[in-house]
């Protein structure tokens, strides 16, 4: 989840990669109207966003919700959008790193047995295991360790099993 402002949205809507009108029926007033509706319907989100720079000024840093990793924003007020995104993105990274450690702890990599974590990309972990019910069940349990809760928000892991990439994508 990354915060994108009205001007960024408008710019992305105005032209595609070849600078042709991407959505000719959506203009700046329409972007402003949708943004105003979004702001009216999500007041807590916008209040939280406005609090981030104030919190940074008071503390001198912002911290992730999960492990409290700090960022100091030496660019100050010019880094406003980064201040909105950092707590969310760094908390997600903290959860992902913890999921990797839990997965490796539960199912360590064994080259000879062709078992273990082979790839981690953003919010996905890819394991390779022999095609036996016991190994598949062990891998499923290892991946299920990636279910987290932060306050009232739950982040469940979704386990997909297949014999090739096409089956799990």
Protein backbone atom coordinates (compact mmCIF):
# COMPACT_ATOMS: atom_id res chain seq x y z
CA UNK A 1 0.00 0.00 0.00
CA UNK A 2 1.59 3.16 -1.16
CA UNK A 3 0.06 6.59 -0.89
CA UNK A 4 -0.42 8.27 -4.25
CA UNK A 5 -1.49 11.91 -4.37
CA UNK A 6 -4.01 13.61 -6.64
CA UNK A 7 -1.42 15.11 -9.00
CA UNK A 8 0.31 11.75 -9.39
CA UNK A 9 -3.01 10.08 -10.19
CA UNK A 10 -3.92 12.81 -12.63
CA UNK A 11 -0.54 12.58 -14.34
CA UNK A 12 -0.85 8.83 -14.68
CA UNK A 13 -4.35 9.16 -16.10
CA UNK A 14 -3.44 11.86 -18.60
CA UNK A 15 -0.84 9.92 -20.59
CA UNK A 16 0.30 6.36 -21.07
CA UNK A 17 3.95 5.33 -21.55
CA UNK A 18 3.86 6.60 -25.14
CA UNK A 19 2.38 9.96 -24.05
CA UNK A 20 -1.00 9.20 -25.64
CA UNK A 21 -4.13 10.12 -23.66
CA UNK A 22 -4.68 7.12 -21.41
CA UNK A 23 -8.17 8.00 -20.17
CA UNK A 24 -9.39 11.01 -22.16
CA UNK A 25 -12.71 11.11 -20.28
CA UNK A 26 -11.06 11.56 -16.87
CA UNK A 27 -9.80 15.07 -16.26
CA UNK A 28 -8.35 16.99 -13.29
CA UNK A 29 -11.77 18.04 -11.87
CA UNK A 30 -12.88 14.40 -11.91
CA UNK A 31 -9.71 13.33 -10.08
CA UNK A 32 -10.35 16.04 -7.47
CA UNK A 33 -13.99 14.93 -7.07
CA UNK A 34 -13.03 11.27 -6.51
CA UNK A 35 -10.24 12.30 -4.13
CA UNK A 36 -12.69 14.46 -2.12
CA UNK A 37 -15.13 11.53 -1.86
CA UNK A 38 -12.31 9.21 -0.79
CA UNK A 39 -11.21 11.68 1.87
CA UNK A 40 -14.79 12.05 3.17
CA UNK A 41 -15.24 8.29 3.40
CA UNK A 42 -11.86 7.55 5.00
CA UNK A 43 -11.34 10.36 7.53
CA UNK A 44 -9.25 8.20 9.91
CA UNK A 45 -6.81 7.38 7.12
CA UNK A 46 -6.34 11.05 6.27
CA UNK A 47 -6.03 12.02 9.94
CA UNK A 48 -3.32 9.36 10.32
CA UNK A 49 -1.54 10.68 7.23
CA UNK A 50 -1.57 14.22 8.60
CA UNK A 51 -0.22 12.98 11.93
CA UNK A 52 2.92 11.39 10.42
CA UNK A 53 4.86 14.64 9.73
CA UNK A 54 3.85 15.99 13.17
CA UNK A 55 5.00 12.77 14.80
CA UNK A 56 8.29 13.00 12.88
CA UNK A 57 8.80 16.61 14.06
CA UNK A 58 8.07 15.62 17.69
CA UNK A 59 10.24 12.47 17.79
CA UNK A 60 12.75 13.14 15.02
CA UNK A 61 11.90 9.77 13.39
CA UNK A 62 9.06 7.46 12.41
CA UNK A 63 8.94 3.79 13.39
CA UNK A 64 7.43 0.65 11.91
CA UNK A 65 4.46 -0.77 13.80
CA UNK A 66 5.82 -4.31 13.89
CA UNK A 67 9.40 -4.11 15.18
CA UNK A 68 9.81 -0.38 15.72
CA UNK A 69 12.45 0.05 13.00
CA UNK A 70 13.26 3.78 12.80
CA UNK A 71 13.73 6.15 9.90
CA UNK A 72 14.91 9.72 10.46
CA UNK A 73 13.95 11.48 7.16
CA UNK A 74 16.90 13.80 6.81
CA UNK A 75 15.13 15.53 3.90
CA UNK A 76 12.52 16.76 6.35
CA UNK A 77 9.24 18.09 5.01
CA UNK A 78 10.28 17.37 1.42
CA UNK A 79 9.90 13.66 2.27
CA UNK A 80 6.18 13.91 3.15
CA UNK A 81 4.99 11.11 0.87
CA UNK A 82 7.79 8.89 2.14
CA UNK A 83 6.59 9.64 5.67
CA UNK A 84 3.14 8.34 4.73
CA UNK A 85 4.49 5.19 3.12
CA UNK A 86 7.29 4.24 5.51
CA UNK A 87 5.25 2.91 8.47
CA UNK A 88 3.16 0.72 6.19
CA UNK A 89 5.93 -0.56 3.95
CA UNK A 90 8.45 -1.13 6.72
CA UNK A 91 5.89 -2.98 8.83
CA UNK A 92 5.10 -5.21 5.85
CA UNK A 93 8.84 -5.83 5.36
CA UNK A 94 9.19 -6.70 9.06
CA UNK A 95 6.39 -9.27 8.76
CA UNK A 96 7.92 -10.72 5.59
CA UNK A 97 11.36 -11.03 7.18
CA UNK A 98 9.84 -12.76 10.18
CA UNK A 99 7.93 -15.13 7.87
CA UNK A 100 11.18 -16.02 6.09
CA UNK A 101 12.87 -16.81 9.41
CA UNK A 102 9.90 -18.87 10.62
CA UNK A 103 9.74 -20.77 7.34
CA UNK A 104 13.47 -21.54 7.30
CA UNK A 105 13.31 -22.55 10.97
CA UNK A 106 10.45 -24.95 10.31
CA UNK A 107 11.74 -26.35 7.03
CA UNK A 108 15.47 -25.85 6.62
CA UNK A 109 17.01 -25.93 3.17
CA UNK A 110 18.40 -29.29 2.13
CA UNK A 111 19.98 -29.25 -1.33
CA UNK A 112 20.29 -33.03 -1.57
CA UNK A 113 16.63 -33.58 -0.68
CA UNK A 114 15.50 -30.66 -2.92
CA UNK A 115 13.63 -29.15 0.00
CA UNK A 116 13.38 -25.63 1.34
CA UNK A 117 12.89 -21.96 0.61
CA UNK A 118 14.19 -21.17 -2.86
CA UNK A 119 12.82 -17.68 -3.50
CA UNK A 120 11.41 -14.67 -1.68
CA UNK A 121 9.92 -11.79 -3.68
CA UNK A 122 8.02 -8.98 -1.97
CA UNK A 123 5.20 -10.77 -0.15
CA UNK A 124 5.75 -14.25 -1.56
CA UNK A 125 7.80 -17.19 -0.37
CA UNK A 126 8.45 -20.07 -2.76
CA UNK A 127 9.43 -23.48 -1.41
CA UNK A 128 10.45 -26.55 -3.30
CA UNK A 129 9.66 -29.93 -1.79
CA UNK A 130 9.52 -33.52 -3.06
CA UNK A 131 6.07 -34.65 -4.16
CA UNK A 132 5.19 -36.69 -1.07
CA UNK A 133 2.20 -36.03 1.20
CA UNK A 134 4.46 -35.80 4.28
CA UNK A 135 6.80 -33.20 2.73
CA UNK A 136 3.93 -31.20 1.24
CA UNK A 137 2.16 -31.11 4.61
CA UNK A 138 5.38 -30.00 6.32
CA UNK A 139 5.83 -27.21 3.76
CA UNK A 140 2.19 -26.13 4.21
CA UNK A 141 2.70 -25.91 7.99
CA UNK A 142 5.94 -23.95 7.51
CA UNK A 143 4.20 -21.44 5.23
CA UNK A 144 1.23 -21.17 7.61
CA UNK A 145 3.58 -19.60 10.15
CA UNK A 146 3.23 -16.41 8.07
CA UNK A 147 -0.17 -15.43 9.55
CA UNK A 148 0.13 -12.19 11.54
CA UNK A 149 -2.05 -9.77 13.43
CA UNK A 150 -1.30 -6.13 14.18
CA UNK A 151 -3.98 -4.60 16.38
CA UNK A 152 -7.34 -5.43 14.82
CA UNK A 153 -5.81 -6.15 11.39
CA UNK A 154 -5.13 -9.76 10.42
CA UNK A 155 -2.69 -10.68 7.65
CA UNK A 156 -3.27 -14.31 6.69
CA UNK A 157 -0.86 -16.28 4.56
CA UNK A 158 -2.25 -17.91 1.43
CA UNK A 159 -0.65 -21.26 0.65
CA UNK A 160 -0.77 -22.55 -2.93
CA UNK A 161 0.65 -25.92 -3.94
CA UNK A 162 1.39 -27.09 -7.44
CA UNK A 163 3.79 -29.13 -9.53
CA UNK A 164 4.85 -26.10 -11.62
CA UNK A 165 4.65 -22.28 -11.72
CA UNK A 166 1.47 -22.30 -13.82
CA UNK A 167 -0.41 -24.18 -11.10
CA UNK A 168 0.48 -21.73 -8.33
CA UNK A 169 0.37 -18.38 -10.12
